[in-house]
Amino acid sequence: MRNSIVTTLLLFVSIAAFGQPDMAPVPVDTLLPVGIFDILQSDGFMEISVKTDMTHLLENKKISNEYQNGKFMFKTDDKVSRTLPVRVKCRGRYRRMRCDFPPLKLKFKKNDLAAHELNEFNEIKLVTHCMNEREKSKELVLREYIAYKLCNILTPGSFRVQLVKVRYLNTKKKPKKIKGWGILIEDSDELAHRMGGSKYDKMGIPAECFNTEQEKIIALFNYMIGNTDWSCMMSRNVEFIKYSDTDIAVVPYDFDFAGLVNAPYAVANAGLGQQTIMDRVYLGEKATTVEMRPVFQHFIDNKNAILTTIDNNKLLKVESKDEMKAYLQSFFDIIGDEETAVKKLFPEKNEEGDK
């Protein structure tokens, strides 16, 4: 497992293609022990169980921000069963109000992690199934999971995720078993450590403070998947990783409102001119054709890897694969003609003399 961490970190040094910000890795000789998220990593999906007072959790999902005690159970790749005490609470805004089952946050005690020789990063987000309709919810989770994996392809400055199949066990009553697919998202503090920076929680950061290459990649990635539910100015669904006052990386999360996911509860942003959530709107900083040219090429260079990620997912229905690939192909058709693409991305920008 330590080797996998070292490999990930070395990506920050070894990747030579355009679009990888100058993000220094944590020196190998100062690496922390592996963490809870590291031992949950698997090439496919992992089966986990969360045991808590599910009755109280679900009945108070819209109003409670309090943690409640529980247990977190899983088997590692070597089939060793582990159980850790955990605190559980509902998280998010829109989904917890609209979904049958709310997204969760899991928080472990650092002393418990240390007892298992795990590092101090003790928080994990759990994206859960939204609707009780099992097959539809599964497809939506898989689509959002793939969105995260596509972001991983385009930049190492992105959240690691793990697909999971979850059993929710109730300590108070014994209702019909609750099962669902989910996505584990790494601790944001661990993300910052892995990227060699520090978390920076602030709204209204001036555009000139952002790492230019990373900002363009993230903005075009969100455009590619049809996601308008993010904002650097409002610090909405983005994490900021700071290296210096003028070198801040943008890392996105929460893609359920993206056209690529096409969630039935997602609504178009009329204020941005969207008529449906499938409509793409570019929300990045304005740029010229010359500035966007290498960014477009970076995406084109990774087109096969992006489409193959969808094809290789054995859990996703063929219909979903076809829909997702067709939607992404429409993006590649746009950026295939760079001058037309820039006019489409920045329709109000005067492109005269910009060649």
Protein backbone atom coordinates (compact mmCIF):
# COMPACT_ATOMS: atom_id res chain seq x y z
CA MET A 1 0.00 0.00 0.00
CA ARG A 2 2.87 2.37 0.76
CA ASN A 3 4.11 1.77 -2.79
CA SER A 4 0.76 2.94 -4.18
CA ILE A 5 1.06 6.18 -2.23
CA VAL A 6 4.60 6.76 -3.44
CA THR A 7 3.47 6.13 -7.01
CA THR A 8 0.64 8.63 -6.67
CA LEU A 9 2.96 11.25 -5.26
CA LEU A 10 5.56 10.74 -7.95
CA LEU A 11 2.92 11.57 -10.54
CA PHE A 12 3.27 15.18 -9.50
CA VAL A 13 6.92 15.06 -10.56
CA SER A 14 6.86 12.75 -13.55
CA ILE A 15 3.85 13.94 -15.57
CA ALA A 16 5.17 16.03 -18.41
CA ALA A 17 1.97 16.66 -20.37
CA PHE A 18 0.37 20.08 -20.35
CA GLY A 19 -2.08 20.95 -17.68
CA GLN A 20 -0.43 19.53 -14.61
CA PRO A 21 0.10 22.43 -12.20
CA ASP A 22 3.43 22.86 -10.50
CA MET A 23 2.30 21.07 -7.35
CA ALA A 24 5.18 19.76 -5.30
CA PRO A 25 4.66 16.30 -3.76
CA VAL A 26 5.24 15.47 -0.13
CA PRO A 27 8.84 14.20 0.12
CA VAL A 28 8.88 10.41 0.29
CA ASP A 29 10.95 10.38 3.48
CA THR A 30 8.26 12.36 5.33
CA LEU A 31 5.31 10.18 4.35
CA LEU A 32 2.81 9.40 7.06
CA PRO A 33 1.68 5.82 7.67
CA VAL A 34 -1.09 4.59 5.40
CA GLY A 35 -4.56 5.85 6.24
CA ILE A 36 -8.06 4.47 6.48
CA PHE A 37 -8.79 5.59 2.93
CA ASP A 38 -5.71 3.80 1.60
CA ILE A 39 -6.75 0.42 2.95
CA LEU A 40 -10.23 0.91 1.47
CA GLN A 41 -8.80 1.16 -2.05
CA SER A 42 -9.74 -1.61 -4.48
CA ASP A 43 -9.68 -1.95 -8.26
CA GLY A 44 -13.35 -2.86 -8.33
CA PHE A 45 -15.84 -2.13 -5.59
CA MET A 46 -15.54 -2.82 -1.87
CA GLU A 47 -18.28 -4.08 0.43
CA ILE A 48 -18.71 -2.12 3.66
CA SER A 49 -21.25 -1.90 6.48
CA VAL A 50 -22.32 1.10 8.53
CA LYS A 51 -24.10 0.31 11.80
CA THR A 52 -25.85 3.09 13.69
CA ASP A 53 -29.29 4.27 14.80
CA MET A 54 -30.67 4.47 11.27
CA THR A 55 -34.17 5.28 12.52
CA HIS A 56 -32.99 8.49 14.18
CA LEU A 57 -30.67 9.32 11.29
CA LEU A 58 -33.36 9.09 8.62
CA GLU A 59 -36.11 10.70 10.66
CA ASN A 60 -33.90 13.73 11.33
CA LYS A 61 -31.98 13.89 8.05
CA LYS A 62 -33.31 17.37 7.15
CA ILE A 63 -32.66 19.05 10.49
CA SER A 64 -29.82 17.36 12.34
CA ASN A 65 -26.14 18.20 11.92
CA GLU A 66 -25.11 16.16 14.95
CA TYR A 67 -22.86 13.13 14.83
CA GLN A 68 -24.14 9.86 16.27
CA ASN A 69 -22.14 6.82 17.28
CA GLY A 70 -21.80 3.80 15.08
CA LYS A 71 -19.52 1.12 13.69
CA PHE A 72 -17.77 0.84 10.35
CA MET A 73 -17.05 -2.67 9.06
CA PHE A 74 -15.17 -3.87 6.01
CA LYS A 75 -12.82 -6.52 4.68
CA THR A 76 -9.44 -5.62 3.26
CA ASP A 77 -8.12 -7.13 0.02
CA ASP A 78 -6.47 -9.88 2.04
CA LYS A 79 -9.92 -10.80 3.44
CA VAL A 80 -9.17 -9.56 6.95
CA SER A 81 -12.33 -8.26 8.67
CA ARG A 82 -12.04 -4.95 10.48
CA THR A 83 -14.44 -3.01 12.68
CA LEU A 84 -13.83 0.57 13.74
CA PRO A 85 -15.92 2.87 15.92
CA VAL A 86 -17.22 5.74 13.82
CA ARG A 87 -19.37 8.81 14.18
CA VAL A 88 -21.97 9.36 11.49
CA LYS A 89 -24.01 12.36 10.40
CA CYS A 90 -26.02 13.55 7.42
CA ARG A 91 -24.29 16.07 5.17
CA GLY A 92 -24.97 18.19 2.13
CA ARG A 93 -27.80 20.58 1.42
CA TYR A 94 -29.85 19.77 -1.63
CA ARG A 95 -29.58 15.97 -1.56
CA ARG A 96 -30.45 15.54 2.10
CA MET A 97 -33.63 17.56 1.50
CA ARG A 98 -34.67 15.82 -1.71
CA CYS A 99 -33.34 12.27 -1.51
CA ASP A 100 -34.92 9.26 0.20
CA PHE A 101 -31.52 8.49 1.69
CA PRO A 102 -29.11 11.31 2.65
CA PRO A 103 -25.39 11.53 1.91
CA LEU A 104 -23.26 10.87 4.99
CA LYS A 105 -20.05 11.93 6.63
CA LEU A 106 -17.98 9.41 8.55
CA LYS A 107 -15.58 10.56 11.26
CA PHE A 108 -13.17 8.27 13.08
CA LYS A 109 -11.35 8.98 16.32
CA LYS A 110 -7.68 9.58 15.69
CA ASN A 111 -6.75 7.39 18.64
CA ASP A 112 -8.68 4.48 17.12
CA LEU A 113 -6.88 4.96 13.83
CA ALA A 114 -3.52 5.12 15.58
CA ALA A 115 -4.31 1.85 17.35
CA HIS A 116 -4.57 0.25 13.91
CA GLU A 117 -1.34 1.98 12.81
CA LEU A 118 -3.26 4.29 10.48
CA ASN A 119 -2.54 7.97 9.93
CA GLU A 120 -4.50 10.88 11.40
CA PHE A 121 -6.79 11.71 8.46
CA ASN A 122 -10.09 10.75 9.98
CA GLU A 123 -12.97 12.05 7.84
CA ILE A 124 -14.52 10.42 4.79
CA LYS A 125 -17.53 11.55 2.78
CA LEU A 126 -19.95 8.87 1.66
CA VAL A 127 -22.05 9.61 -1.42
CA THR A 128 -25.09 7.38 -0.98
CA HIS A 129 -27.94 6.14 -3.15
CA CYS A 130 -30.47 8.92 -3.40
CA MET A 131 -33.67 7.08 -4.25
CA ASN A 132 -35.17 3.88 -2.95
CA GLU A 133 -35.53 2.76 -6.56
CA ARG A 134 -32.48 0.50 -6.45
CA GLU A 135 -31.50 0.13 -10.12
CA LYS A 136 -31.93 3.80 -10.99
CA SER A 137 -29.97 4.86 -7.89
CA LYS A 138 -27.20 2.42 -8.77
CA GLU A 139 -26.85 3.94 -12.25
CA LEU A 140 -26.66 7.47 -10.84
CA VAL A 141 -23.98 6.51 -8.31
CA LEU A 142 -21.96 4.77 -11.03
CA ARG A 143 -22.25 7.79 -13.34
CA GLU A 144 -21.05 10.19 -10.66
CA TYR A 145 -18.25 7.79 -9.70
CA ILE A 146 -17.08 7.78 -13.32
CA ALA A 147 -17.10 11.61 -13.34
CA TYR A 148 -14.61 11.54 -10.45
CA LYS A 149 -12.47 8.98 -12.28
CA LEU A 150 -12.42 11.15 -15.42
CA CYS A 151 -11.19 14.05 -13.31
CA ASN A 152 -8.41 11.77 -12.00
CA ILE A 153 -7.34 11.11 -15.59
CA LEU A 154 -7.07 14.80 -16.41
CA THR A 155 -5.26 16.00 -13.29
CA PRO A 156 -3.66 14.47 -10.18
CA GLY A 157 -5.08 17.49 -8.35
CA SER A 158 -8.38 15.70 -7.77
CA PHE A 159 -10.14 13.69 -5.07
CA ARG A 160 -9.51 9.97 -4.84
CA VAL A 161 -12.70 7.93 -4.69
CA GLN A 162 -13.70 4.33 -4.02
CA LEU A 163 -16.86 2.63 -5.24
CA VAL A 164 -18.61 0.70 -2.45
CA LYS A 165 -21.58 -1.54 -1.90
CA VAL A 166 -23.03 -0.61 1.49
CA ARG A 167 -25.17 -2.39 4.06
CA TYR A 168 -26.82 -0.06 6.59
CA LEU A 169 -27.52 -1.81 9.89
CA ASN A 170 -29.97 -0.37 12.39
CA THR A 171 -29.14 -0.58 16.10
CA LYS A 172 -32.66 0.36 17.27
CA LYS A 173 -35.09 -1.53 15.09
CA LYS A 174 -34.89 -4.27 12.56
CA PRO A 175 -36.57 -2.94 9.43
CA LYS A 176 -36.11 -4.31 5.95
CA LYS A 177 -32.39 -4.33 5.23
CA ILE A 178 -31.10 -1.16 3.61
CA LYS A 179 -28.54 -1.69 0.89
CA GLY A 180 -27.16 0.67 -1.68
CA TRP A 181 -24.20 1.67 -3.81
CA GLY A 182 -22.02 4.55 -2.73
CA ILE A 183 -18.80 6.47 -3.26
CA LEU A 184 -16.19 7.08 -0.58
CA ILE A 185 -14.32 10.39 -1.03
CA GLU A 186 -10.99 10.97 0.66
CA ASP A 187 -10.49 13.40 3.53
CA SER A 188 -9.90 16.91 2.16
CA ASP A 189 -7.00 17.35 4.60
CA GLU A 190 -5.44 14.20 3.15
CA LEU A 191 -5.97 15.60 -0.35
CA ALA A 192 -4.08 18.77 0.67
CA HIS A 193 -1.27 16.72 2.25
CA ARG A 194 -1.02 14.50 -0.83
CA MET A 195 -0.83 17.57 -3.08
CA GLY A 196 1.85 19.15 -0.90
CA GLY A 197 -0.21 22.22 0.03
CA SER A 198 -2.69 23.30 2.67
CA LYS A 199 -6.46 23.74 2.67
CA TYR A 200 -7.60 27.30 2.11
CA ASP A 201 -11.19 28.10 3.07
CA LYS A 202 -12.09 31.49 1.67
CA MET A 203 -14.68 33.05 -0.62
CA GLY A 204 -14.02 35.74 -3.18
CA ILE A 205 -10.45 34.76 -4.05
CA PRO A 206 -9.17 36.99 -6.90
CA ALA A 207 -8.75 35.15 -10.21
CA GLU A 208 -5.06 36.02 -10.43
CA CYS A 209 -4.38 33.95 -7.28
CA PHE A 210 -5.35 30.65 -8.90
CA ASN A 211 -2.96 28.23 -10.51
CA THR A 212 -3.77 29.10 -14.13
CA GLU A 213 -3.29 25.66 -15.68
CA GLN A 214 -5.24 23.83 -12.98
CA GLU A 215 -8.09 26.36 -13.14
CA LYS A 216 -8.43 25.89 -16.90
CA ILE A 217 -8.42 22.09 -16.60
CA ILE A 218 -11.07 22.10 -13.88
CA ALA A 219 -13.25 24.62 -15.70
CA LEU A 220 -13.07 22.67 -18.96
CA PHE A 221 -13.64 19.39 -17.11
CA ASN A 222 -16.83 20.78 -15.59
CA TYR A 223 -17.85 22.03 -19.03
CA MET A 224 -17.14 18.58 -20.49
CA ILE A 225 -19.43 16.82 -18.01
CA GLY A 226 -22.03 19.60 -18.17
CA ASN A 227 -21.65 20.70 -14.55
CA THR A 228 -22.64 24.25 -13.57
CA ASP A 229 -23.05 23.52 -9.86
CA TRP A 230 -19.70 25.02 -8.87
CA SER A 231 -18.10 28.40 -8.33
CA CYS A 232 -14.63 29.60 -7.35
CA MET A 233 -15.97 33.01 -6.35
CA MET A 234 -18.58 31.50 -4.00
CA SER A 235 -16.38 28.56 -2.98
CA ARG A 236 -19.15 26.22 -4.09
CA ASN A 237 -18.34 22.53 -4.55
CA VAL A 238 -14.62 23.23 -4.83
CA GLU A 239 -11.72 22.75 -2.46
CA PHE A 240 -8.83 25.21 -2.54
CA ILE A 241 -5.28 23.95 -1.98
CA LYS A 242 -2.80 26.73 -1.31
CA TYR A 243 0.90 26.75 -2.09
CA SER A 244 1.38 30.51 -1.95
CA ASP A 245 -0.79 33.62 -2.14
CA THR A 246 -0.59 33.51 -5.92
CA ASP A 247 -0.63 29.74 -6.42
CA ILE A 248 -3.92 28.19 -5.33
CA ALA A 249 -5.21 24.99 -6.94
CA VAL A 250 -8.92 24.34 -7.51
CA VAL A 251 -10.25 20.81 -6.83
CA PRO A 252 -13.92 20.07 -7.67
CA TYR A 253 -16.42 17.67 -6.11
CA ASP A 254 -20.17 16.84 -6.19
CA PHE A 255 -21.11 16.13 -9.81
CA ASP A 256 -24.69 14.93 -9.43
CA PHE A 257 -26.05 18.05 -11.20
CA ALA A 258 -23.89 17.36 -14.25
CA GLY A 259 -25.45 16.46 -17.58
CA LEU A 260 -23.19 13.41 -17.70
CA VAL A 261 -24.91 12.07 -14.56
CA ASN A 262 -28.39 13.30 -15.58
CA ALA A 263 -29.98 12.88 -12.15
CA PRO A 264 -33.80 13.18 -12.22
CA TYR A 265 -33.77 15.62 -9.28
CA ALA A 266 -31.22 17.98 -10.85
CA VAL A 267 -32.58 21.30 -12.10
CA ALA A 268 -31.24 23.61 -14.80
CA ASN A 269 -29.66 26.92 -13.80
CA ALA A 270 -31.82 29.43 -15.65
CA GLY A 271 -29.61 32.26 -14.42
CA LEU A 272 -26.81 30.83 -16.55
CA GLY A 273 -29.04 30.33 -19.56
CA GLN A 274 -29.52 26.59 -19.13
CA GLN A 275 -32.79 25.18 -20.42
CA THR A 276 -31.91 21.65 -19.33
CA ILE A 277 -29.05 20.25 -17.26
CA MET A 278 -27.61 18.83 -20.48
CA ASP A 279 -26.76 22.36 -21.66
CA ARG A 280 -23.09 23.19 -21.18
CA VAL A 281 -21.97 26.55 -19.76
CA TYR A 282 -18.30 27.44 -19.27
CA LEU A 283 -17.70 29.02 -15.85
CA GLY A 284 -13.92 29.41 -15.93
CA GLU A 285 -11.88 32.55 -16.35
CA LYS A 286 -11.91 34.18 -19.77
CA ALA A 287 -9.07 33.15 -22.06
CA THR A 288 -7.88 33.53 -25.64
CA THR A 289 -7.61 30.90 -28.35
CA VAL A 290 -3.86 30.78 -27.84
CA GLU A 291 -4.29 30.24 -24.08
CA MET A 292 -6.95 27.53 -24.53
CA ARG A 293 -5.20 25.66 -27.35
CA PRO A 294 -2.95 23.47 -25.12
CA VAL A 295 -5.86 22.83 -22.75
CA PHE A 296 -8.01 21.52 -25.58
CA GLN A 297 -5.12 19.35 -26.74
CA HIS A 298 -4.67 17.94 -23.23
CA PHE A 299 -8.28 16.74 -23.26
CA ILE A 300 -8.00 15.39 -26.80
CA ASP A 301 -4.85 13.49 -25.83
CA ASN A 302 -6.82 11.82 -23.02
CA LYS A 303 -9.98 11.13 -25.05
CA ASN A 304 -9.33 7.40 -25.43
CA ALA A 305 -8.63 6.98 -21.71
CA ILE A 306 -11.82 8.88 -20.89
CA LEU A 307 -14.07 6.82 -23.16
CA THR A 308 -12.33 3.56 -22.18
CA THR A 309 -13.07 4.29 -18.50
CA ILE A 310 -16.75 4.18 -19.35
CA ASP A 311 -16.48 1.10 -21.56
CA ASN A 312 -14.54 -0.82 -18.93
CA ASN A 313 -17.09 -0.34 -16.15
CA LYS A 314 -18.78 -3.73 -15.91
CA LEU A 315 -21.54 -2.54 -13.57
CA LEU A 316 -22.93 0.21 -15.78
CA LYS A 317 -25.77 -0.61 -18.16
CA VAL A 318 -25.05 -0.50 -21.88
CA GLU A 319 -27.68 2.22 -22.33
CA SER A 320 -25.93 4.41 -19.76
CA LYS A 321 -22.56 3.83 -21.39
CA ASP A 322 -23.92 4.82 -24.79
CA GLU A 323 -25.58 7.96 -23.40
CA MET A 324 -22.45 9.05 -21.56
CA LYS A 325 -20.12 8.44 -24.49
CA ALA A 326 -22.43 10.30 -26.88
CA TYR A 327 -22.56 13.26 -24.47
CA LEU A 328 -18.77 13.33 -24.16
CA GLN A 329 -18.34 12.96 -27.92
CA SER A 330 -20.41 16.13 -28.37
CA PHE A 331 -17.82 17.89 -26.16
CA PHE A 332 -14.91 16.59 -28.23
CA ASP A 333 -16.71 17.73 -31.37
CA ILE A 334 -16.80 21.24 -29.88
CA ILE A 335 -13.13 21.46 -28.94
CA GLY A 336 -12.06 19.84 -32.21
CA ASP A 337 -12.31 23.29 -33.81
CA GLU A 338 -10.48 25.52 -31.34
CA GLU A 339 -11.57 28.91 -32.66
CA THR A 340 -15.23 27.87 -32.78
CA ALA A 341 -14.82 26.33 -29.32
CA VAL A 342 -13.45 29.55 -27.80
CA LYS A 343 -16.36 31.53 -29.25
CA LYS A 344 -18.77 28.97 -27.77
CA LEU A 345 -17.07 29.01 -24.37
CA PHE A 346 -16.84 32.82 -24.24
CA PRO A 347 -19.75 34.04 -26.40
CA GLU A 348 -19.51 37.63 -25.08
CA LYS A 349 -15.74 37.87 -25.63
CA ASN A 350 -14.45 39.96 -28.53
CA GLU A 351 -12.13 37.57 -30.35
CA GLU A 352 -10.92 40.10 -32.90
CA GLY A 353 -7.17 39.79 -33.30
CA ASP A 354 -7.06 36.72 -31.07
CA LYS A 355 -5.34 34.05 -33.14
